[in-house]
């Protein structure tokens, strides 16, 4: 199974500000959807709670459609949230990774066509996922928006695969840069 990081960051290596993405680029959101549709998406508590707030729904009631949503959080798990269709809660990434490697789950994933685990934020999830990911899909956004969350990685451990500029209606320049691990 491919493990991939999908992230957008600005000129300051920033990915968020006060629990939200500081820019709106429709074309990048569509790119994100294309990258994640029909796959497993892994997010941290703050990213998930931000989605709940944005959609004005309760915890456990928000899922990105046509994706299997994984939320990594010790505190949400301890609050007794139960797994529902399309969403599951785990205490840690290693606990989640152990779960999906069980034969029963591997068979279900294979049957459903899921072949990728996509780490979609936030900052601590990205940081930890760097040790597991073999692909990195990075949208470089040419803005200087104020940020308080960051994504930084060691480029020497990654091999550049492609660079694709995105034309945006917002006028904000951005490019999608794809990397693979240098040991692949």
Protein backbone atom coordinates (compact mmCIF):
# COMPACT_ATOMS: atom_id res chain seq x y z
CA UNK A 1 0.00 0.00 0.00
CA UNK A 2 1.32 3.43 -0.95
CA UNK A 3 1.65 5.95 1.87
CA UNK A 4 1.57 9.54 0.68
CA UNK A 5 1.63 13.04 2.14
CA UNK A 6 -0.55 15.61 0.38
CA UNK A 7 0.04 19.16 1.61
CA UNK A 8 -0.12 22.79 0.51
CA UNK A 9 2.27 25.31 1.99
CA UNK A 10 3.23 28.92 1.35
CA UNK A 11 6.52 30.81 0.98
CA UNK A 12 7.03 30.64 4.77
CA UNK A 13 6.56 26.83 4.78
CA UNK A 14 3.18 27.53 6.43
CA UNK A 15 0.20 25.22 6.17
CA UNK A 16 -2.29 26.85 8.51
CA UNK A 17 -3.27 29.73 10.71
CA UNK A 18 -5.53 29.56 13.77
CA UNK A 19 -6.90 26.17 12.77
CA UNK A 20 -7.66 26.98 9.15
CA UNK A 21 -5.99 27.17 5.75
CA UNK A 22 -5.12 30.85 5.29
CA UNK A 23 -5.84 30.92 1.54
CA UNK A 24 -8.60 29.68 -0.71
CA UNK A 25 -7.54 28.19 -4.04
CA UNK A 26 -10.36 26.26 -5.65
CA UNK A 27 -8.04 24.50 -8.09
CA UNK A 28 -5.87 23.17 -5.26
CA UNK A 29 -8.95 21.90 -3.41
CA UNK A 30 -9.96 20.05 -6.58
CA UNK A 31 -6.42 18.67 -6.83
CA UNK A 32 -6.67 17.49 -3.20
CA UNK A 33 -9.96 15.76 -3.96
CA UNK A 34 -8.45 14.01 -7.01
CA UNK A 35 -5.50 12.82 -4.91
CA UNK A 36 -7.64 11.48 -2.07
CA UNK A 37 -10.88 10.19 -3.59
CA UNK A 38 -11.60 6.52 -2.85
CA UNK A 39 -8.56 6.26 -0.56
CA UNK A 40 -7.78 6.40 3.17
CA UNK A 41 -7.21 9.90 4.53
CA UNK A 42 -5.43 10.32 7.85
CA UNK A 43 -5.76 13.51 9.86
CA UNK A 44 -5.11 14.76 13.35
CA UNK A 45 -7.63 16.02 15.87
CA UNK A 46 -7.27 19.73 15.07
CA UNK A 47 -7.68 19.16 11.34
CA UNK A 48 -10.77 17.06 12.01
CA UNK A 49 -12.29 19.52 14.49
CA UNK A 50 -11.66 22.31 11.98
CA UNK A 51 -13.73 20.39 9.43
CA UNK A 52 -16.51 19.88 12.00
CA UNK A 53 -16.55 23.60 12.68
CA UNK A 54 -16.48 24.52 9.00
CA UNK A 55 -19.43 22.23 8.22
CA UNK A 56 -21.20 23.11 11.52
CA UNK A 57 -21.56 19.46 12.51
CA UNK A 58 -20.78 17.45 15.61
CA UNK A 59 -17.69 15.40 16.24
CA UNK A 60 -18.12 12.02 14.60
CA UNK A 61 -20.63 13.37 12.08
CA UNK A 62 -18.19 14.80 9.53
CA UNK A 63 -16.51 12.65 6.92
CA UNK A 64 -14.92 13.51 3.61
CA UNK A 65 -17.18 11.64 1.21
CA UNK A 66 -15.89 8.75 -0.88
CA UNK A 67 -12.87 8.39 1.38
CA UNK A 68 -12.24 6.34 4.49
CA UNK A 69 -11.47 8.93 7.19
CA UNK A 70 -9.00 8.15 9.97
CA UNK A 71 -8.65 10.56 12.89
CA UNK A 72 -5.58 10.24 15.10
CA UNK A 73 -6.28 11.52 18.60
CA UNK A 74 -5.88 10.13 22.07
CA UNK A 75 -8.36 12.61 23.56
CA UNK A 76 -11.15 12.06 21.03
CA UNK A 77 -10.73 8.30 21.36
CA UNK A 78 -10.95 8.57 25.14
CA UNK A 79 -14.18 10.58 24.85
CA UNK A 80 -15.83 7.35 23.73
CA UNK A 81 -16.36 8.18 20.07
CA UNK A 82 -17.37 5.11 18.18
CA UNK A 83 -16.35 4.28 14.66
CA UNK A 84 -19.08 4.96 12.12
CA UNK A 85 -19.33 4.21 8.41
CA UNK A 86 -16.52 6.08 6.71
CA UNK A 87 -14.67 7.16 9.86
CA UNK A 88 -12.53 5.55 12.55
CA UNK A 89 -10.58 6.94 15.49
CA UNK A 90 -7.15 5.73 16.59
CA UNK A 91 -4.80 6.80 19.37
CA UNK A 92 -1.71 6.87 17.14
CA UNK A 93 -0.45 6.35 13.61
CA UNK A 94 1.36 3.11 14.63
CA UNK A 95 -1.93 1.76 16.09
CA UNK A 96 -3.73 2.60 12.83
CA UNK A 97 -0.96 1.10 10.67
CA UNK A 98 -1.02 -2.13 12.71
CA UNK A 99 -4.80 -2.33 12.26
CA UNK A 100 -4.73 -1.98 8.45
CA UNK A 101 -2.06 -4.65 8.16
CA UNK A 102 -4.33 -7.34 9.62
CA UNK A 103 -5.35 -9.92 7.02
CA UNK A 104 -9.08 -9.23 7.33
CA UNK A 105 -8.65 -5.49 6.84
CA UNK A 106 -6.12 -5.92 4.00
CA UNK A 107 -8.66 -8.14 2.21
CA UNK A 108 -11.44 -5.57 2.69
CA UNK A 109 -9.22 -2.74 1.43
CA UNK A 110 -8.18 -4.77 -1.61
CA UNK A 111 -11.80 -5.62 -2.37
CA UNK A 112 -12.84 -1.97 -2.14
CA UNK A 113 -10.01 -0.76 -4.39
CA UNK A 114 -8.25 1.29 -1.71
CA UNK A 115 -4.53 1.33 -2.44
CA UNK A 116 -3.26 4.48 -0.72
CA UNK A 117 -2.99 5.98 2.73
CA UNK A 118 -2.92 9.75 2.42
CA UNK A 119 -1.76 11.87 5.32
CA UNK A 120 -3.63 15.19 5.10
CA UNK A 121 -2.53 17.09 8.19
CA UNK A 122 -1.99 18.81 10.42
CA UNK A 123 1.50 19.70 11.40
CA UNK A 124 2.22 16.82 13.81
CA UNK A 125 0.63 14.20 11.53
CA UNK A 126 2.80 15.38 8.63
CA UNK A 127 5.89 15.38 10.81
CA UNK A 128 5.32 11.79 11.94
CA UNK A 129 4.15 10.59 8.51
CA UNK A 130 7.48 11.54 6.93
CA UNK A 131 8.92 8.29 8.30
CA UNK A 132 6.25 6.19 6.55
CA UNK A 133 5.49 8.05 3.32
CA UNK A 134 7.07 7.03 0.03
CA UNK A 135 5.41 9.83 -1.92
CA UNK A 136 5.00 13.54 -1.25
CA UNK A 137 2.64 15.74 -3.24
CA UNK A 138 3.34 19.33 -2.29
CA UNK A 139 1.46 22.37 -3.52
CA UNK A 140 3.76 25.37 -3.23
CA UNK A 141 1.56 28.44 -2.85
CA UNK A 142 3.23 31.76 -3.60
CA UNK A 143 1.75 33.81 -0.77
CA UNK A 144 3.01 35.36 2.41
CA UNK A 145 -0.15 34.84 4.46
CA UNK A 146 0.36 34.79 8.21
CA UNK A 147 0.83 31.20 9.43
CA UNK A 148 1.30 29.40 12.73
CA UNK A 149 1.57 25.78 11.50
CA UNK A 150 4.36 24.53 9.25
CA UNK A 151 5.52 21.69 7.05
CA UNK A 152 9.28 21.33 6.62
CA UNK A 153 11.07 18.31 5.20
CA UNK A 154 14.61 17.31 4.27
CA UNK A 155 14.72 17.49 0.46
CA UNK A 156 17.89 15.37 0.38
CA UNK A 157 15.76 12.35 1.34
CA UNK A 158 13.38 12.86 -1.58
CA UNK A 159 13.71 12.56 -5.34
CA UNK A 160 11.92 15.14 -7.49
CA UNK A 161 9.43 13.46 -9.81
CA UNK A 162 7.50 16.35 -11.38
CA UNK A 163 6.60 20.04 -11.20
CA UNK A 164 3.27 21.21 -12.57
CA UNK A 165 2.14 24.86 -12.41
CA UNK A 166 -1.55 25.37 -11.57
CA UNK A 167 -3.50 28.14 -13.26
CA UNK A 168 -5.82 29.69 -10.70
CA UNK A 169 -8.76 32.04 -11.02
CA UNK A 170 -7.65 33.70 -7.78
CA UNK A 171 -4.42 34.88 -9.41
CA UNK A 172 -2.32 33.19 -6.71
CA UNK A 173 0.58 31.34 -8.33
CA UNK A 174 1.12 27.77 -7.22
CA UNK A 175 2.72 24.57 -8.42
CA UNK A 176 2.24 20.94 -7.56
CA UNK A 177 5.60 19.30 -6.90
CA UNK A 178 5.74 15.52 -6.60
CA UNK A 179 8.54 13.62 -4.87
CA UNK A 180 9.31 10.00 -4.13
CA UNK A 181 11.64 8.79 -1.44
CA UNK A 182 15.19 8.65 -2.72
CA UNK A 183 15.46 4.99 -1.70
CA UNK A 184 12.54 3.87 -3.91
